[in-house]
Amino acid sequence: MSLFSRRSPTAAPTQIHQLKTWVKTVLALDDSILVSISQLRCNEPGCPPIETVIAVMTKPPQTYKLHKAAIDVTYGDLVKALGAEPMKSSLTGQQLPDARLC
């Protein structure tokens, strides 16, 4: 058993695409703005084992961190991390549910 072979939970490309779509929706970003999603491992004391880092390539660039694996990030997590108000349904006017990645 190798000490260097620990695996992180991995999000599928479709899940990463969904996260990017949520970020663009929550921040009302133009499609020309690049959004990067990275999942990083931290081995330092007091640091969560895995964090998801969202970089929004505006001028200046914005960076947001969520202390969980990308696959575990919910829409509500993004709203909170991005400091935005939850979206409401255009049909009912009610807050959208806290969706999870599938």
N, C-alpha and C. Protein backbone atom coordinates (compact mmCIF):
# COMPACT_ATOMS: atom_id res chain seq x y z
N MET A 1 0.85 -1.18 0.00
CA MET A 1 0.00 0.00 0.00
C MET A 1 0.89 1.23 0.00
N SER A 2 0.64 2.14 -0.92
CA SER A 2 1.43 3.35 -1.05
C SER A 2 0.80 4.48 -0.23
N LEU A 3 1.62 5.23 0.45
CA LEU A 3 1.13 6.38 1.21
C LEU A 3 0.69 7.51 0.29
N PHE A 4 1.09 7.46 -0.96
CA PHE A 4 0.80 8.54 -1.89
C PHE A 4 -0.37 8.25 -2.81
N SER A 5 -1.08 7.16 -2.60
CA SER A 5 -2.14 6.78 -3.53
C SER A 5 -3.54 7.06 -3.00
N ARG A 6 -3.69 7.88 -1.98
CA ARG A 6 -5.03 8.21 -1.50
C ARG A 6 -5.79 8.93 -2.59
N ARG A 7 -7.01 8.53 -2.80
CA ARG A 7 -7.82 9.13 -3.86
C ARG A 7 -8.86 10.06 -3.27
N SER A 8 -9.09 11.16 -3.96
CA SER A 8 -10.12 12.11 -3.58
C SER A 8 -11.41 11.73 -4.29
N PRO A 9 -12.56 12.05 -3.68
CA PRO A 9 -13.81 11.85 -4.41
C PRO A 9 -13.75 12.68 -5.69
N THR A 10 -14.12 12.08 -6.79
CA THR A 10 -13.99 12.75 -8.08
C THR A 10 -15.36 13.05 -8.67
N ALA A 11 -15.55 14.29 -9.09
CA ALA A 11 -16.78 14.69 -9.76
C ALA A 11 -16.64 14.42 -11.25
N ALA A 12 -17.71 13.96 -11.85
CA ALA A 12 -17.73 13.72 -13.30
C ALA A 12 -17.75 15.06 -14.03
N PRO A 13 -17.31 15.08 -15.28
CA PRO A 13 -17.34 16.32 -16.07
C PRO A 13 -18.73 16.98 -16.11
N THR A 14 -19.78 16.16 -16.14
CA THR A 14 -21.13 16.74 -16.15
C THR A 14 -21.44 17.45 -14.83
N GLN A 15 -20.91 16.94 -13.73
CA GLN A 15 -21.12 17.57 -12.42
C GLN A 15 -20.35 18.89 -12.34
N ILE A 16 -19.14 18.92 -12.86
CA ILE A 16 -18.35 20.15 -12.89
C ILE A 16 -19.05 21.19 -13.77
N HIS A 17 -19.58 20.75 -14.90
CA HIS A 17 -20.32 21.65 -15.78
C HIS A 17 -21.53 22.24 -15.04
N GLN A 18 -22.23 21.40 -14.25
CA GLN A 18 -23.39 21.89 -13.49
C GLN A 18 -22.96 22.93 -12.47
N LEU A 19 -21.83 22.69 -11.78
CA LEU A 19 -21.32 23.67 -10.82
C LEU A 19 -21.03 25.00 -11.53
N LYS A 20 -20.38 24.95 -12.67
CA LYS A 20 -20.07 26.17 -13.42
C LYS A 20 -21.36 26.90 -13.83
N THR A 21 -22.36 26.14 -14.25
CA THR A 21 -23.63 26.74 -14.63
C THR A 21 -24.28 27.43 -13.44
N TRP A 22 -24.27 26.76 -12.26
CA TRP A 22 -24.82 27.38 -11.06
C TRP A 22 -24.07 28.66 -10.71
N VAL A 23 -22.74 28.65 -10.80
CA VAL A 23 -21.94 29.85 -10.49
C VAL A 23 -22.34 30.99 -11.42
N LYS A 24 -22.42 30.71 -12.71
CA LYS A 24 -22.79 31.75 -13.67
C LYS A 24 -24.20 32.27 -13.42
N THR A 25 -25.10 31.39 -13.03
CA THR A 25 -26.47 31.81 -12.74
C THR A 25 -26.52 32.66 -11.47
N VAL A 26 -25.90 32.18 -10.40
CA VAL A 26 -25.95 32.89 -9.12
C VAL A 26 -25.30 34.27 -9.23
N LEU A 27 -24.19 34.36 -9.94
CA LEU A 27 -23.48 35.64 -10.07
C LEU A 27 -23.93 36.46 -11.28
N ALA A 28 -24.90 35.92 -12.05
CA ALA A 28 -25.41 36.59 -13.25
C ALA A 28 -24.25 36.96 -14.19
N LEU A 29 -23.40 35.97 -14.46
CA LEU A 29 -22.23 36.20 -15.31
C LEU A 29 -22.57 36.01 -16.78
N ASP A 30 -21.91 36.78 -17.60
CA ASP A 30 -21.99 36.64 -19.05
C ASP A 30 -21.29 35.33 -19.44
N ASP A 31 -21.73 34.71 -20.52
CA ASP A 31 -21.12 33.45 -20.95
C ASP A 31 -19.65 33.59 -21.33
N SER A 32 -19.20 34.81 -21.59
CA SER A 32 -17.80 35.01 -21.96
C SER A 32 -16.86 34.97 -20.76
N ILE A 33 -17.40 35.01 -19.53
CA ILE A 33 -16.57 34.98 -18.32
C ILE A 33 -16.23 33.53 -18.01
N LEU A 34 -14.95 33.23 -17.89
CA LEU A 34 -14.47 31.88 -17.59
C LEU A 34 -14.63 31.58 -16.10
N VAL A 35 -15.12 30.38 -15.81
CA VAL A 35 -15.23 29.89 -14.43
C VAL A 35 -14.43 28.60 -14.35
N SER A 36 -13.53 28.53 -13.37
CA SER A 36 -12.69 27.35 -13.19
C SER A 36 -13.03 26.70 -11.85
N ILE A 37 -13.17 25.38 -11.86
CA ILE A 37 -13.45 24.62 -10.65
C ILE A 37 -12.29 23.66 -10.40
N SER A 38 -11.68 23.75 -9.21
CA SER A 38 -10.58 22.85 -8.85
C SER A 38 -10.88 22.20 -7.52
N GLN A 39 -10.46 20.97 -7.37
CA GLN A 39 -10.58 20.26 -6.10
C GLN A 39 -9.17 20.01 -5.59
N LEU A 40 -8.89 20.51 -4.39
CA LEU A 40 -7.54 20.43 -3.84
C LEU A 40 -7.53 19.65 -2.54
N ARG A 41 -6.43 18.94 -2.30
CA ARG A 41 -6.23 18.20 -1.06
C ARG A 41 -5.31 19.04 -0.18
N CYS A 42 -5.64 19.07 1.11
CA CYS A 42 -4.80 19.80 2.07
C CYS A 42 -4.38 18.84 3.17
N ASN A 43 -3.09 18.79 3.46
CA ASN A 43 -2.56 17.91 4.50
C ASN A 43 -2.05 18.67 5.71
N GLU A 44 -2.28 19.98 5.75
CA GLU A 44 -1.82 20.80 6.87
C GLU A 44 -2.80 20.69 8.04
N PRO A 45 -2.30 20.81 9.26
CA PRO A 45 -3.18 20.75 10.44
C PRO A 45 -4.24 21.85 10.39
N GLY A 46 -5.47 21.48 10.74
CA GLY A 46 -6.57 22.44 10.77
C GLY A 46 -7.20 22.73 9.43
N CYS A 47 -6.66 22.17 8.39
CA CYS A 47 -7.17 22.38 7.04
C CYS A 47 -8.11 21.23 6.69
N PRO A 48 -9.25 21.51 6.02
CA PRO A 48 -10.11 20.39 5.63
C PRO A 48 -9.37 19.49 4.65
N PRO A 49 -9.66 18.20 4.65
CA PRO A 49 -8.91 17.28 3.79
C PRO A 49 -9.05 17.60 2.30
N ILE A 50 -10.24 18.07 1.89
CA ILE A 50 -10.48 18.40 0.49
C ILE A 50 -11.28 19.69 0.44
N GLU A 51 -10.92 20.57 -0.50
CA GLU A 51 -11.71 21.77 -0.70
C GLU A 51 -11.91 21.99 -2.19
N THR A 52 -13.03 22.61 -2.51
CA THR A 52 -13.32 22.97 -3.89
C THR A 52 -13.07 24.46 -4.03
N VAL A 53 -12.28 24.82 -5.02
CA VAL A 53 -11.93 26.21 -5.25
C VAL A 53 -12.57 26.65 -6.57
N ILE A 54 -13.29 27.76 -6.50
CA ILE A 54 -13.95 28.31 -7.68
C ILE A 54 -13.25 29.62 -8.03
N ALA A 55 -12.76 29.72 -9.25
CA ALA A 55 -12.14 30.95 -9.72
C ALA A 55 -13.01 31.53 -10.83
N VAL A 56 -13.38 32.80 -10.66
CA VAL A 56 -14.17 33.51 -11.66
C VAL A 56 -13.25 34.55 -12.28
N MET A 57 -13.01 34.42 -13.57
CA MET A 57 -12.02 35.24 -14.24
C MET A 57 -12.56 36.60 -14.68
N THR A 58 -13.03 37.35 -13.70
CA THR A 58 -13.43 38.73 -13.94
C THR A 58 -12.21 39.60 -13.73
N LYS A 59 -12.35 40.90 -13.86
CA LYS A 59 -11.23 41.81 -13.59
C LYS A 59 -11.60 42.66 -12.40
N PRO A 60 -10.99 42.45 -11.24
CA PRO A 60 -10.00 41.43 -10.91
C PRO A 60 -10.66 40.06 -10.72
N PRO A 61 -9.89 38.99 -10.83
CA PRO A 61 -10.43 37.64 -10.62
C PRO A 61 -10.96 37.47 -9.19
N GLN A 62 -11.97 36.63 -9.05
CA GLN A 62 -12.56 36.33 -7.75
C GLN A 62 -12.34 34.85 -7.45
N THR A 63 -12.03 34.55 -6.20
CA THR A 63 -11.82 33.16 -5.79
C THR A 63 -12.71 32.85 -4.59
N TYR A 64 -13.34 31.69 -4.62
CA TYR A 64 -14.21 31.23 -3.55
C TYR A 64 -13.79 29.81 -3.17
N LYS A 65 -13.86 29.50 -1.87
CA LYS A 65 -13.49 28.16 -1.40
C LYS A 65 -14.65 27.53 -0.64
N LEU A 66 -14.87 26.26 -0.91
CA LEU A 66 -15.86 25.47 -0.19
C LEU A 66 -15.13 24.30 0.42
N HIS A 67 -15.29 24.07 1.70
CA HIS A 67 -14.55 23.04 2.42
C HIS A 67 -15.22 21.67 2.31
N LYS A 68 -15.34 21.22 1.06
CA LYS A 68 -15.88 19.89 0.76
C LYS A 68 -15.51 19.53 -0.67
N ALA A 69 -15.66 18.27 -0.99
CA ALA A 69 -15.37 17.80 -2.35
C ALA A 69 -16.39 18.38 -3.32
N ALA A 70 -15.98 18.58 -4.56
CA ALA A 70 -16.86 19.16 -5.58
C ALA A 70 -18.15 18.36 -5.72
N ILE A 71 -18.05 17.06 -5.63
CA ILE A 71 -19.23 16.20 -5.79
C ILE A 71 -20.26 16.42 -4.68
N ASP A 72 -19.84 16.95 -3.54
CA ASP A 72 -20.73 17.17 -2.39
C ASP A 72 -21.29 18.59 -2.32
N VAL A 73 -20.87 19.46 -3.22
CA VAL A 73 -21.33 20.85 -3.20
C VAL A 73 -22.77 20.93 -3.70
N THR A 74 -23.62 21.62 -2.95
CA THR A 74 -25.01 21.81 -3.35
C THR A 74 -25.20 23.24 -3.87
N TYR A 75 -26.34 23.47 -4.48
CA TYR A 75 -26.68 24.81 -4.96
C TYR A 75 -26.67 25.79 -3.78
N GLY A 76 -27.23 25.36 -2.66
CA GLY A 76 -27.24 26.21 -1.47
C GLY A 76 -25.84 26.55 -0.97
N ASP A 77 -24.92 25.58 -1.04
CA ASP A 77 -23.53 25.84 -0.67
C ASP A 77 -22.94 26.95 -1.53
N LEU A 78 -23.23 26.88 -2.84
CA LEU A 78 -22.71 27.89 -3.75
C LEU A 78 -23.28 29.27 -3.44
N VAL A 79 -24.57 29.33 -3.23
CA VAL A 79 -25.21 30.61 -2.92
C VAL A 79 -24.56 31.23 -1.69
N LYS A 80 -24.35 30.42 -0.66
CA LYS A 80 -23.74 30.91 0.57
C LYS A 80 -22.29 31.34 0.33
N ALA A 81 -21.51 30.52 -0.37
CA ALA A 81 -20.10 30.83 -0.61
C ALA A 81 -19.92 32.06 -1.49
N LEU A 82 -20.82 32.24 -2.45
CA LEU A 82 -20.72 33.36 -3.37
C LEU A 82 -21.33 34.63 -2.79
N GLY A 83 -21.97 34.52 -1.62
CA GLY A 83 -22.55 35.68 -0.97
C GLY A 83 -23.73 36.25 -1.72
N ALA A 84 -24.51 35.39 -2.36
CA ALA A 84 -25.64 35.84 -3.17
C ALA A 84 -26.96 35.44 -2.52
N GLU A 85 -28.02 36.05 -2.99
CA GLU A 85 -29.36 35.67 -2.56
C GLU A 85 -29.79 34.42 -3.33
N PRO A 86 -30.50 33.49 -2.67
CA PRO A 86 -30.98 32.30 -3.39
C PRO A 86 -31.92 32.71 -4.53
N MET A 87 -31.81 32.00 -5.65
CA MET A 87 -32.69 32.29 -6.79
C MET A 87 -34.11 31.84 -6.48
N LYS A 88 -35.06 32.52 -7.10
CA LYS A 88 -36.46 32.14 -6.97
C LYS A 88 -36.96 31.67 -8.32
N SER A 89 -37.91 30.76 -8.28
CA SER A 89 -38.50 30.25 -9.50
C SER A 89 -39.27 31.37 -10.20
N SER A 90 -39.09 31.49 -11.51
CA SER A 90 -39.83 32.51 -12.26
C SER A 90 -41.30 32.13 -12.38
N LEU A 91 -41.63 30.87 -12.15
CA LEU A 91 -43.02 30.43 -12.25
C LEU A 91 -43.78 30.61 -10.94
N THR A 92 -43.16 30.26 -9.82
CA THR A 92 -43.87 30.29 -8.55
C THR A 92 -43.45 31.44 -7.64
N GLY A 93 -42.28 32.03 -7.88
CA GLY A 93 -41.77 33.08 -7.01
C GLY A 93 -41.20 32.54 -5.71
N GLN A 94 -41.13 31.21 -5.58
CA GLN A 94 -40.60 30.59 -4.36
C GLN A 94 -39.14 30.24 -4.56
N GLN A 95 -38.41 30.20 -3.43
CA GLN A 95 -36.99 29.85 -3.48
C GLN A 95 -36.81 28.45 -4.03
N LEU A 96 -35.82 28.30 -4.91
CA LEU A 96 -35.52 26.97 -5.47
C LEU A 96 -34.96 26.07 -4.41
N PRO A 97 -35.22 24.76 -4.47
CA PRO A 97 -34.70 23.82 -3.47
C PRO A 97 -33.19 23.72 -3.56
N ASP A 98 -32.58 23.24 -2.48
CA ASP A 98 -31.14 23.07 -2.41
C ASP A 98 -30.75 21.82 -3.18
N ALA A 99 -30.50 21.97 -4.47
CA ALA A 99 -30.19 20.84 -5.33
C ALA A 99 -28.78 20.31 -5.09
N ARG A 100 -28.62 19.00 -5.26
CA ARG A 100 -27.30 18.35 -5.17
C ARG A 100 -26.90 17.94 -6.57
N LEU A 101 -25.60 17.76 -6.75
CA LEU A 101 -25.11 17.24 -8.03
C LEU A 101 -25.50 15.77 -8.15
N CYS A 102 -25.83 15.34 -9.34
CA CYS A 102 -26.20 13.94 -9.57
C CYS A 102 -25.18 13.29 -10.46
